[in-house]
């Protein structure tokens, strides 16, 4: 038991040791990974006006990141199927530690924090069984792995958390193996789902699409108002069929699929690279770098507009619209019109922009 004198000393010590915040890292609005002109890779903190707040080198191509909810720290994930993630101090640029997927596992490139920021959750594949797992890593215990829970599906790509630390997993339905990067395994047997999982691994609810949509891999997730979950999909069949690529779901209700025009669905080439709600969480957008398109919907799935932009993929919430990024170094804000923010020649943004919530 700590004595009164030691307790007071600890309080005094804590009062003079500054607690760093995202303001100390330049107050970035979003994080994004990119390939640079020299072939190297880095994670960038990006201000609301599109300028760089910081740049931290990465050991290999990055995919997405998880921003800590209060401390200026980020976990940058390797592109799926990857075996590493790096924990970064975004003020100093220091690599705090490197997370390595356990034997027989790989990361899927996404993660989220629960328990007030103490537990990092990582989407993983047990490539021996093909079953999805969520790895649990404790920040307060030196980023030690403290457990894992099932995703109740195959191929969990993105995971998010709802109030009460309920996790939502986008189980894509097909398997991957790190020895065969880019190869999709068992596609004919796909059974994608959206699974709601308690922090101790209990399946709370599972959403599956109709059987004729079993080739629609559920990949990415965005969170709206009042428990609304939007999910983006990647169609593994003929893209000329113009299948729905975005769905909306609220627990206890049926999923609602998008109502975009068929010609726009065809233009997306069966592929959603990223999804996000705007800052007001009343509109949701999906991107297709293959189709050079962003589709915007309201929160009932009604199609509002299409935005054409070559190799566009990253999306994040912005005031009065969305941040967008492309593989040509462009950063934009999309409101009623498309406003260029920055053009970084030689920089190719990867698929995701991650909002920093402060």
Protein backbone atom coordinates (compact mmCIF):
# COMPACT_ATOMS: atom_id res chain seq x y z
CA UNK A 1 0.00 0.00 0.00
CA UNK A 2 1.34 3.44 -0.88
CA UNK A 3 1.88 5.75 2.12
CA UNK A 4 0.39 9.25 2.41
CA UNK A 5 3.78 10.93 1.98
CA UNK A 6 4.58 8.89 -1.12
CA UNK A 7 1.10 9.49 -2.47
CA UNK A 8 1.50 13.28 -2.16
CA UNK A 9 4.96 13.07 -3.72
CA UNK A 10 3.51 11.15 -6.65
CA UNK A 11 0.82 13.79 -7.12
CA UNK A 12 3.39 16.57 -7.05
CA UNK A 13 5.60 14.74 -9.49
CA UNK A 14 2.67 14.21 -11.80
CA UNK A 15 1.79 17.89 -11.64
CA UNK A 16 5.13 18.96 -13.06
CA UNK A 17 5.45 16.26 -15.70
CA UNK A 18 3.58 17.53 -18.76
CA UNK A 19 1.10 15.16 -20.38
CA UNK A 20 1.55 15.40 -24.11
CA UNK A 21 -1.50 15.75 -26.32
CA UNK A 22 -2.18 15.81 -30.05
CA UNK A 23 -1.65 19.59 -29.89
CA UNK A 24 2.02 18.87 -29.16
CA UNK A 25 2.14 16.97 -32.46
CA UNK A 26 0.78 19.95 -34.39
CA UNK A 27 -2.95 19.21 -33.95
CA UNK A 28 -3.35 16.95 -36.99
CA UNK A 29 -6.87 16.40 -38.27
CA UNK A 30 -6.01 13.13 -40.01
CA UNK A 31 -3.22 10.59 -40.40
CA UNK A 32 -2.17 9.06 -43.71
CA UNK A 33 0.50 6.66 -44.93
CA UNK A 34 2.26 7.30 -48.22
CA UNK A 35 5.04 6.16 -50.52
CA UNK A 36 7.55 8.94 -51.17
CA UNK A 37 9.47 9.86 -54.28
CA UNK A 38 12.60 7.98 -53.21
CA UNK A 39 10.63 4.75 -52.75
CA UNK A 40 10.50 4.99 -48.96
CA UNK A 41 7.37 5.06 -46.83
CA UNK A 42 6.17 7.34 -44.04
CA UNK A 43 3.20 8.17 -41.84
CA UNK A 44 2.06 11.81 -41.98
CA UNK A 45 0.02 13.92 -39.63
CA UNK A 46 -2.07 16.26 -41.77
CA UNK A 47 -3.62 19.56 -40.71
CA UNK A 48 -7.13 20.65 -41.64
CA UNK A 49 -5.68 22.84 -44.41
CA UNK A 50 -3.78 19.90 -45.94
CA UNK A 51 -0.33 20.84 -44.65
CA UNK A 52 2.04 18.41 -42.96
CA UNK A 53 2.14 18.44 -39.15
CA UNK A 54 4.73 15.67 -38.95
CA UNK A 55 6.39 12.93 -40.95
CA UNK A 56 7.62 9.63 -39.45
CA UNK A 57 9.44 7.06 -41.61
CA UNK A 58 7.95 3.54 -41.82
CA UNK A 59 9.94 0.34 -42.42
CA UNK A 60 7.67 -0.77 -45.28
CA UNK A 61 4.40 0.11 -46.99
CA UNK A 62 1.74 1.21 -44.54
CA UNK A 63 -1.99 0.73 -44.83
CA UNK A 64 -4.09 2.27 -42.06
CA UNK A 65 -3.32 3.48 -38.56
CA UNK A 66 -5.01 3.63 -35.18
CA UNK A 67 -4.81 7.02 -33.46
CA UNK A 68 -4.80 6.95 -29.66
CA UNK A 69 -7.84 8.83 -28.33
CA UNK A 70 -5.82 11.24 -26.17
CA UNK A 71 -2.05 10.65 -26.29
CA UNK A 72 -0.18 11.72 -29.45
CA UNK A 73 0.57 8.13 -30.40
CA UNK A 74 -0.38 6.11 -33.45
CA UNK A 75 -0.09 2.48 -34.43
CA UNK A 76 0.82 2.16 -38.10
CA UNK A 77 -0.03 -1.17 -39.70
CA UNK A 78 1.71 -2.94 -42.54
CA UNK A 79 -0.29 -3.56 -45.66
CA UNK A 80 -2.37 -6.74 -45.40
CA UNK A 81 -1.37 -9.50 -45.08
CA UNK A 82 1.37 -8.03 -42.88
CA UNK A 83 3.19 -9.33 -39.82
CA UNK A 84 4.17 -6.05 -38.14
CA UNK A 85 2.79 -2.83 -36.72
CA UNK A 86 4.80 0.04 -35.23
CA UNK A 87 3.77 2.20 -32.27
CA UNK A 88 4.88 5.79 -32.89
CA UNK A 89 5.33 8.83 -30.70
CA UNK A 90 3.97 11.47 -33.06
CA UNK A 91 5.70 14.33 -31.21
CA UNK A 92 9.26 13.00 -31.29
CA UNK A 93 8.94 10.55 -34.19
CA UNK A 94 10.28 7.80 -31.94
CA UNK A 95 9.27 4.20 -32.56
CA UNK A 96 8.02 3.19 -29.11
CA UNK A 97 7.78 -0.48 -29.97
CA UNK A 98 7.12 -2.88 -32.81
CA UNK A 99 4.23 -5.32 -32.59
CA UNK A 100 4.73 -8.68 -34.26
CA UNK A 101 1.81 -10.95 -35.11
CA UNK A 102 1.98 -14.26 -33.22
CA UNK A 103 3.13 -17.40 -35.00
CA UNK A 104 0.54 -18.48 -37.53
CA UNK A 105 -1.14 -15.05 -37.68
CA UNK A 106 -1.02 -11.93 -39.77
CA UNK A 107 -2.52 -8.49 -39.36
CA UNK A 108 -5.17 -7.16 -41.72
CA UNK A 109 -3.97 -3.55 -41.57
CA UNK A 110 -6.49 -2.04 -39.15
CA UNK A 111 -7.03 -1.59 -35.43
CA UNK A 112 -8.93 0.38 -32.81
CA UNK A 113 -8.56 1.36 -29.16
CA UNK A 114 -10.94 0.41 -26.35
CA UNK A 115 -10.82 0.68 -22.53
CA UNK A 116 -10.17 4.40 -22.69
CA UNK A 117 -7.14 3.91 -24.91
CA UNK A 118 -5.40 1.20 -22.88
CA UNK A 119 -6.26 -1.75 -25.12
CA UNK A 120 -5.37 -1.84 -28.80
CA UNK A 121 -7.48 -4.27 -30.83
CA UNK A 122 -5.98 -5.65 -34.05
CA UNK A 123 -7.78 -7.55 -36.81
CA UNK A 124 -5.93 -10.80 -37.50
CA UNK A 125 -6.08 -14.04 -39.46
CA UNK A 126 -5.32 -17.45 -38.02
CA UNK A 127 -4.12 -18.73 -41.37
CA UNK A 128 -4.05 -22.34 -40.17
CA UNK A 129 -7.80 -22.42 -39.59
CA UNK A 130 -8.87 -19.36 -41.58
CA UNK A 131 -10.77 -17.98 -38.60
CA UNK A 132 -10.65 -14.30 -37.77
CA UNK A 133 -9.25 -13.11 -34.46
CA UNK A 134 -8.94 -9.80 -32.63
CA UNK A 135 -5.64 -9.42 -30.82
CA UNK A 136 -5.62 -7.46 -27.56
CA UNK A 137 -2.52 -5.43 -26.64
CA UNK A 138 -2.13 -3.44 -23.41
CA UNK A 139 -0.54 -0.01 -23.65
CA UNK A 140 -0.12 0.25 -19.86
CA UNK A 141 1.74 -3.06 -19.84
CA UNK A 142 4.29 -2.00 -22.40
CA UNK A 143 2.16 -2.97 -25.41
CA UNK A 144 2.18 -6.59 -24.28
CA UNK A 145 -0.33 -8.93 -25.90
CA UNK A 146 -2.84 -9.81 -23.20
CA UNK A 147 -5.33 -11.96 -25.09
CA UNK A 148 -7.46 -12.42 -28.16
CA UNK A 149 -11.10 -12.97 -29.06
CA UNK A 150 -12.87 -14.39 -32.14
CA UNK A 151 -14.44 -12.24 -34.85
CA UNK A 152 -16.95 -15.00 -35.63
CA UNK A 153 -16.06 -15.01 -39.29
CA UNK A 154 -13.31 -15.28 -41.89
CA UNK A 155 -11.04 -12.49 -43.10
CA UNK A 156 -11.74 -9.63 -40.68
CA UNK A 157 -10.38 -6.52 -42.34
CA UNK A 158 -11.49 -3.40 -40.49
CA UNK A 159 -12.73 -3.25 -36.90
CA UNK A 160 -14.35 -0.34 -35.04
CA UNK A 161 -15.80 0.09 -31.58
CA UNK A 162 -19.18 1.33 -30.42
CA UNK A 163 -20.13 2.67 -26.95
CA UNK A 164 -19.58 0.07 -24.27
CA UNK A 165 -16.51 -1.13 -26.18
CA UNK A 166 -18.65 -3.34 -28.41
CA UNK A 167 -16.48 -4.24 -31.38
CA UNK A 168 -17.77 -4.35 -34.95
CA UNK A 169 -15.81 -6.60 -37.32
CA UNK A 170 -16.05 -6.57 -41.12
CA UNK A 171 -15.49 -10.25 -41.87
CA UNK A 172 -14.62 -10.23 -45.56
CA UNK A 173 -15.30 -13.92 -46.11
CA UNK A 174 -12.18 -15.09 -47.93
CA UNK A 175 -8.82 -16.20 -46.58
CA UNK A 176 -5.31 -14.81 -47.10
CA UNK A 177 -1.84 -16.16 -46.44
CA UNK A 178 1.31 -14.02 -45.94
CA UNK A 179 3.25 -16.37 -48.23
CA UNK A 180 0.82 -15.53 -51.04
CA UNK A 181 0.25 -11.76 -50.79
CA UNK A 182 -2.57 -10.47 -52.93
CA UNK A 183 -4.08 -13.93 -53.48
CA UNK A 184 -7.67 -14.45 -52.31
CA UNK A 185 -8.28 -17.99 -51.11
CA UNK A 186 -11.59 -19.92 -50.97
CA UNK A 187 -13.56 -17.23 -52.81
CA UNK A 188 -16.34 -19.60 -54.01
CA UNK A 189 -17.08 -20.55 -50.40
CA UNK A 190 -17.22 -16.97 -49.10
CA UNK A 191 -19.64 -16.12 -46.29
CA UNK A 192 -18.94 -12.52 -45.34
CA UNK A 193 -20.62 -10.98 -42.33
CA UNK A 194 -20.73 -7.96 -40.08
CA UNK A 195 -20.26 -9.16 -36.50
CA UNK A 196 -20.86 -7.33 -33.21
CA UNK A 197 -18.62 -8.76 -30.51
CA UNK A 198 -18.34 -8.01 -26.79
CA UNK A 199 -14.91 -7.23 -25.30
CA UNK A 200 -14.76 -10.78 -23.95
CA UNK A 201 -15.52 -12.33 -27.35
CA UNK A 202 -19.25 -13.04 -27.10
CA UNK A 203 -21.12 -12.79 -30.41
CA UNK A 204 -23.86 -10.21 -29.86
CA UNK A 205 -25.25 -10.02 -33.39
CA UNK A 206 -24.25 -11.16 -36.86
CA UNK A 207 -25.45 -9.72 -40.17
CA UNK A 208 -25.20 -11.74 -43.37
CA UNK A 209 -26.35 -10.67 -46.82
CA UNK A 210 -28.64 -12.67 -49.10
CA UNK A 211 -27.09 -15.77 -50.64
CA UNK A 212 -26.92 -14.18 -54.10
CA UNK A 213 -24.61 -11.54 -52.56
CA UNK A 214 -22.22 -13.99 -50.88
CA UNK A 215 -19.41 -12.78 -53.18
CA UNK A 216 -19.71 -9.25 -51.72
CA UNK A 217 -16.77 -9.07 -49.32
CA UNK A 218 -17.55 -6.77 -46.37
CA UNK A 219 -14.28 -4.89 -45.86
CA UNK A 220 -14.56 -1.43 -44.33
CA UNK A 221 -16.63 0.24 -41.62
CA UNK A 222 -17.66 3.77 -40.62
CA UNK A 223 -19.72 4.80 -37.61
CA UNK A 224 -22.66 7.17 -37.85
CA UNK A 225 -25.17 8.54 -35.36
CA UNK A 226 -27.11 6.48 -32.82
CA UNK A 227 -25.31 3.21 -33.45
CA UNK A 228 -25.56 3.35 -37.25
CA UNK A 229 -22.81 1.33 -38.97
CA UNK A 230 -21.96 1.80 -42.64
CA UNK A 231 -19.98 -0.90 -44.42
CA UNK A 232 -18.18 -0.89 -47.76
CA UNK A 233 -17.86 -3.99 -49.91
CA UNK A 234 -15.75 -5.46 -52.69
CA UNK A 235 -17.61 -7.62 -55.21
CA UNK A 236 -15.64 -10.75 -56.17
CA UNK A 237 -17.77 -11.52 -59.22
CA UNK A 238 -18.25 -9.76 -62.55
CA UNK A 239 -17.97 -5.98 -61.87
CA UNK A 240 -20.19 -5.27 -64.88
CA UNK A 241 -23.17 -6.51 -62.84
CA UNK A 242 -23.18 -3.26 -60.86
CA UNK A 243 -23.87 -4.81 -57.47
CA UNK A 244 -24.52 -2.73 -54.33
CA UNK A 245 -21.29 -1.76 -52.61
CA UNK A 246 -22.42 0.03 -49.43
CA UNK A 247 -24.71 -1.05 -46.64
CA UNK A 248 -26.15 0.49 -43.48
CA UNK A 249 -27.03 -1.37 -40.31
CA UNK A 250 -28.24 -0.64 -36.82
CA UNK A 251 -28.38 -3.40 -34.22
CA UNK A 252 -31.71 -5.18 -34.10
CA UNK A 253 -32.69 -4.02 -37.60
CA UNK A 254 -32.25 -5.36 -41.12
CA UNK A 255 -29.34 -4.13 -43.23
CA UNK A 256 -30.15 -1.57 -45.94
CA UNK A 257 -28.09 -1.57 -49.15
CA UNK A 258 -27.22 1.49 -51.22
CA UNK A 259 -29.46 2.85 -53.94
CA UNK A 260 -26.88 4.27 -56.32
CA UNK A 261 -27.64 4.20 -60.06
CA UNK A 262 -26.47 1.04 -61.80
CA UNK A 263 -24.17 2.98 -64.14
CA UNK A 264 -22.38 4.44 -61.09
CA UNK A 265 -22.11 1.01 -59.49
CA UNK A 266 -20.57 -0.32 -62.70
CA UNK A 267 -18.14 2.63 -62.76
CA UNK A 268 -16.93 1.63 -59.28
CA UNK A 269 -15.65 -1.64 -60.81
CA UNK A 270 -16.90 -3.69 -57.89
CA UNK A 271 -14.46 -2.12 -55.45
CA UNK A 272 -14.71 0.05 -52.35
CA UNK A 273 -11.33 1.12 -50.98
CA UNK A 274 -12.49 3.25 -48.06
CA UNK A 275 -15.62 4.55 -46.33
CA UNK A 276 -16.36 7.42 -43.94
CA UNK A 277 -19.14 9.56 -42.56
CA UNK A 278 -18.79 13.33 -42.65
CA UNK A 279 -18.23 15.29 -39.43
CA UNK A 280 -21.98 15.71 -38.89
CA UNK A 281 -22.43 11.97 -39.53
CA UNK A 282 -25.38 12.61 -41.82
CA UNK A 283 -23.67 11.66 -45.07
CA UNK A 284 -21.47 8.69 -45.91
CA UNK A 285 -19.01 8.32 -48.80
CA UNK A 286 -17.29 5.36 -50.43
CA UNK A 287 -14.31 5.47 -52.77
CA UNK A 288 -12.99 3.39 -55.64
CA UNK A 289 -9.43 4.02 -56.83
CA UNK A 290 -10.08 1.52 -59.61
CA UNK A 291 -13.05 3.48 -60.86
CA UNK A 292 -11.76 6.96 -59.98
CA UNK A 293 -15.01 7.64 -58.15
CA UNK A 294 -16.39 8.71 -54.78
CA UNK A 295 -20.09 8.09 -54.15
CA UNK A 296 -21.92 10.12 -51.50
CA UNK A 297 -25.13 8.97 -49.79
CA UNK A 298 -27.36 10.21 -47.00
CA UNK A 299 -27.77 8.12 -43.87
CA UNK A 300 -30.68 6.18 -45.36
CA UNK A 301 -28.65 4.93 -48.35
CA UNK A 302 -30.09 7.43 -50.85
CA UNK A 303 -27.52 8.38 -53.48
CA UNK A 304 -26.65 12.08 -53.50
CA UNK A 305 -23.78 12.58 -55.89
CA UNK A 306 -20.69 11.14 -57.56
CA UNK A 307 -17.23 12.74 -57.54
CA UNK A 308 -14.72 11.86 -60.23
CA UNK A 309 -11.04 11.84 -59.24
CA UNK A 310 -8.26 9.66 -60.62
CA UNK A 311 -6.94 7.04 -58.18
CA UNK A 312 -8.95 8.46 -55.26
CA UNK A 313 -9.21 6.29 -52.15
CA UNK A 314 -8.61 7.87 -48.72
CA UNK A 315 -11.68 9.39 -47.04
CA UNK A 316 -12.09 10.97 -43.61
CA UNK A 317 -14.63 13.30 -42.01
CA UNK A 318 -14.12 17.02 -42.51
CA UNK A 319 -16.15 20.06 -41.54
CA UNK A 320 -18.87 20.43 -44.16
CA UNK A 321 -17.77 17.34 -46.08
CA UNK A 322 -14.92 14.91 -46.44
CA UNK A 323 -11.15 14.85 -46.75
CA UNK A 324 -10.05 12.88 -49.83
CA UNK A 325 -6.62 11.64 -50.93
CA UNK A 326 -5.34 10.03 -54.10
CA UNK A 327 -2.37 8.04 -55.29
CA UNK A 328 -0.96 11.08 -57.11
CA UNK A 329 -0.19 13.10 -53.99
CA UNK A 330 -3.44 15.08 -53.93
CA UNK A 331 -5.37 16.09 -50.82
CA UNK A 332 -8.83 17.60 -51.19
CA UNK A 333 -11.91 18.59 -49.26
CA UNK A 334 -15.20 17.56 -50.81
CA UNK A 335 -18.24 19.60 -49.80
CA UNK A 336 -20.74 20.86 -52.33
CA UNK A 337 -17.67 21.32 -54.53
CA UNK A 338 -14.21 19.76 -54.65
CA UNK A 339 -11.56 22.03 -53.08
CA UNK A 340 -7.87 21.16 -53.57
CA UNK A 341 -5.86 21.45 -50.36
CA UNK A 342 -2.37 20.24 -51.26
CA UNK A 343 -0.47 18.50 -54.03
CA UNK A 344 2.63 16.61 -52.93
CA UNK A 345 4.52 15.58 -56.03
CA UNK A 346 6.23 12.23 -55.67
CA UNK A 347 3.97 11.23 -52.78
CA UNK A 348 1.44 8.42 -53.31
CA UNK A 349 -1.13 8.24 -50.54
CA UNK A 350 -2.17 4.76 -49.48
CA UNK A 351 -5.77 3.67 -49.12
CA UNK A 352 -6.84 5.24 -45.84
CA UNK A 353 -7.05 8.54 -44.02
CA UNK A 354 -7.54 8.14 -40.27
CA UNK A 355 -9.27 10.89 -38.27
CA UNK A 356 -7.63 12.07 -35.05
CA UNK A 357 -10.43 12.41 -32.50
CA UNK A 358 -9.56 14.88 -29.74
